[in-house]
């Protein structure tokens, strides 16, 4: 949650639970529970690796088994592949250690500083799109003629 949104929500002096949850550090299982839809092949990194400046070091989570603690899925086991300097250290997923011990965050590549715009590729996509629309229009006209 952005600082602006958190500031607007907390303006009245009452801090909603969503703001409290968004601002506190998360365990691996809390982070994956929020990303439940995309938890397969989700990239996560312990916060202390990020703070030490380890680039391209992260876990690619392949499977999660949650355990309920106080009614919330904040504990469990997770399996994934460790990538160190961009290279996988194993081919098969292994159990990720320290899921509760460390604070975790989503992995963002240090090299991804935005979307690179390729003008040629954009033109080719636009040409293909216009051709498909023309073909679709022709088939619609033919269908209308055949119905009459």
Protein backbone atom coordinates (compact mmCIF):
# COMPACT_ATOMS: atom_id res chain seq x y z
CA UNK A 1 0.00 0.00 0.00
CA UNK A 2 1.34 3.40 -0.89
CA UNK A 3 2.18 6.00 1.74
CA UNK A 4 -0.44 8.32 0.27
CA UNK A 5 -3.20 5.71 0.59
CA UNK A 6 -2.10 4.81 4.12
CA UNK A 7 -2.07 8.51 5.04
CA UNK A 8 -5.61 9.01 3.71
CA UNK A 9 -6.91 5.97 5.55
CA UNK A 10 -5.30 6.94 8.84
CA UNK A 11 -6.31 10.62 8.69
CA UNK A 12 -9.14 10.13 11.16
CA UNK A 13 -6.80 8.68 13.79
CA UNK A 14 -8.15 5.13 13.46
CA UNK A 15 -5.78 2.72 11.73
CA UNK A 16 -7.62 0.00 9.75
CA UNK A 17 -6.39 -3.58 9.95
CA UNK A 18 -5.48 -3.55 6.24
CA UNK A 19 -3.07 -0.65 6.81
CA UNK A 20 -1.52 -2.39 9.83
CA UNK A 21 -1.05 -5.60 7.83
CA UNK A 22 0.36 -3.83 4.78
CA UNK A 23 2.91 -1.87 6.78
CA UNK A 24 4.29 -4.66 8.98
CA UNK A 25 7.04 -7.05 7.84
CA UNK A 26 5.71 -10.37 6.60
CA UNK A 27 6.78 -13.97 6.95
CA UNK A 28 7.04 -16.05 3.80
CA UNK A 29 3.63 -17.62 4.39
CA UNK A 30 1.89 -14.30 4.98
CA UNK A 31 3.44 -12.94 1.79
CA UNK A 32 2.40 -16.00 -0.23
CA UNK A 33 -1.09 -16.02 1.30
CA UNK A 34 -1.66 -12.50 0.00
CA UNK A 35 -0.42 -13.63 -3.43
CA UNK A 36 -2.35 -16.92 -3.27
CA UNK A 37 -3.55 -16.75 -6.88
CA UNK A 38 -0.01 -16.41 -8.25
CA UNK A 39 1.90 -18.32 -5.56
CA UNK A 40 3.09 -20.89 -8.10
CA UNK A 41 6.45 -19.71 -9.51
CA UNK A 42 6.25 -16.64 -7.23
CA UNK A 43 9.63 -15.00 -6.57
CA UNK A 44 10.39 -14.03 -2.98
CA UNK A 45 13.55 -12.92 -1.21
CA UNK A 46 14.46 -12.61 2.49
CA UNK A 47 14.66 -8.94 3.37
CA UNK A 48 18.17 -9.23 4.81
CA UNK A 49 19.48 -10.48 1.43
CA UNK A 50 17.96 -7.44 -0.24
CA UNK A 51 19.40 -5.07 2.37
CA UNK A 52 22.86 -6.60 1.95
CA UNK A 53 22.66 -5.95 -1.79
CA UNK A 54 22.57 -9.51 -3.13
CA UNK A 55 21.36 -8.98 -6.70
CA UNK A 56 19.54 -11.76 -8.53
CA UNK A 57 19.38 -13.97 -5.41
CA UNK A 58 15.86 -15.20 -4.67
CA UNK A 59 13.61 -18.22 -4.24
CA UNK A 60 11.14 -19.27 -6.91
CA UNK A 61 8.31 -20.83 -4.89
CA UNK A 62 6.75 -23.89 -6.50
CA UNK A 63 4.52 -25.31 -3.75
CA UNK A 64 3.11 -24.16 -0.43
CA UNK A 65 1.36 -26.11 2.30
CA UNK A 66 -0.29 -23.80 4.83
CA UNK A 67 -1.01 -24.47 8.53
CA UNK A 68 -3.57 -22.43 10.40
CA UNK A 69 -2.34 -20.47 13.40
CA UNK A 70 -4.98 -18.43 15.26
CA UNK A 71 -7.33 -19.01 12.33
CA UNK A 72 -4.92 -17.55 9.76
CA UNK A 73 -2.64 -19.41 7.30
CA UNK A 74 0.54 -17.81 8.67
CA UNK A 75 2.56 -21.01 9.12
CA UNK A 76 3.41 -23.97 6.92
CA UNK A 77 6.00 -25.34 4.55
CA UNK A 78 7.16 -24.07 1.19
CA UNK A 79 9.23 -25.66 -1.55
CA UNK A 80 11.11 -23.86 -4.28
CA UNK A 81 14.30 -23.41 -6.26
CA UNK A 82 17.03 -21.12 -5.00
CA UNK A 83 18.48 -18.79 -7.63
CA UNK A 84 21.88 -17.39 -6.74
CA UNK A 85 23.28 -14.67 -9.03
CA UNK A 86 20.55 -15.56 -11.52
CA UNK A 87 21.48 -19.26 -11.75
CA UNK A 88 19.39 -22.06 -10.23
CA UNK A 89 21.28 -24.13 -7.65
CA UNK A 90 19.12 -27.22 -8.19
CA UNK A 91 16.68 -28.58 -10.72
CA UNK A 92 14.16 -29.96 -8.22
CA UNK A 93 12.36 -27.78 -5.65
CA UNK A 94 13.68 -28.10 -2.10
CA UNK A 95 12.15 -27.00 1.20
CA UNK A 96 12.65 -23.31 1.87
CA UNK A 97 14.12 -22.77 5.32
CA UNK A 98 13.52 -19.66 7.43
CA UNK A 99 10.00 -18.93 6.26
CA UNK A 100 8.98 -17.79 9.76
CA UNK A 101 12.38 -16.68 10.98
CA UNK A 102 13.04 -13.92 8.44
CA UNK A 103 11.02 -11.07 6.98
CA UNK A 104 10.26 -11.68 3.30
CA UNK A 105 9.43 -9.44 0.38
CA UNK A 106 8.53 -9.93 -3.30
CA UNK A 107 11.57 -10.13 -5.56
CA UNK A 108 11.92 -7.33 -8.08
CA UNK A 109 14.77 -7.57 -10.54
CA UNK A 110 17.25 -4.69 -10.17
CA UNK A 111 17.53 -4.61 -13.97
CA UNK A 112 13.78 -4.08 -14.54
CA UNK A 113 13.54 -0.30 -14.37
CA UNK A 114 10.41 -0.07 -16.47
CA UNK A 115 9.01 -1.38 -19.71
CA UNK A 116 11.25 -0.95 -22.73
CA UNK A 117 9.30 0.41 -25.68
CA UNK A 118 10.21 -1.13 -29.02
CA UNK A 119 8.74 0.95 -31.84
CA UNK A 120 9.21 -1.71 -34.55
CA UNK A 121 7.52 -4.38 -32.47
CA UNK A 122 4.65 -2.02 -31.64
CA UNK A 123 4.15 -1.26 -35.36
CA UNK A 124 4.15 -4.94 -36.31
CA UNK A 125 1.61 -5.69 -33.57
CA UNK A 126 -0.58 -2.81 -34.73
CA UNK A 127 -0.36 -3.99 -38.38
CA UNK A 128 -1.34 -7.51 -37.37
CA UNK A 129 -4.19 -6.18 -35.23
CA UNK A 130 -5.56 -4.07 -38.10
CA UNK A 131 -5.32 -7.04 -40.50
CA UNK A 132 -7.21 -9.24 -38.06
CA UNK A 133 -9.88 -6.57 -37.64
CA UNK A 134 -10.25 -6.26 -41.44
CA UNK A 135 -10.57 -10.04 -41.78
CA UNK A 136 -13.12 -10.09 -38.96
CA UNK A 137 -15.11 -7.30 -40.66
CA UNK A 138 -15.10 -9.20 -43.98
CA UNK A 139 -16.35 -12.40 -42.33
CA UNK A 140 -19.09 -10.43 -40.54
CA UNK A 141 -20.22 -8.91 -43.86
CA UNK A 142 -20.22 -12.33 -45.53
CA UNK A 143 -22.29 -13.77 -42.68
CA UNK A 144 -24.83 -10.97 -43.04
CA UNK A 145 -25.08 -11.51 -46.80
CA UNK A 146 -25.61 -15.24 -46.34
CA UNK A 147 -28.37 -14.62 -43.75
CA UNK A 148 -30.31 -12.44 -46.24
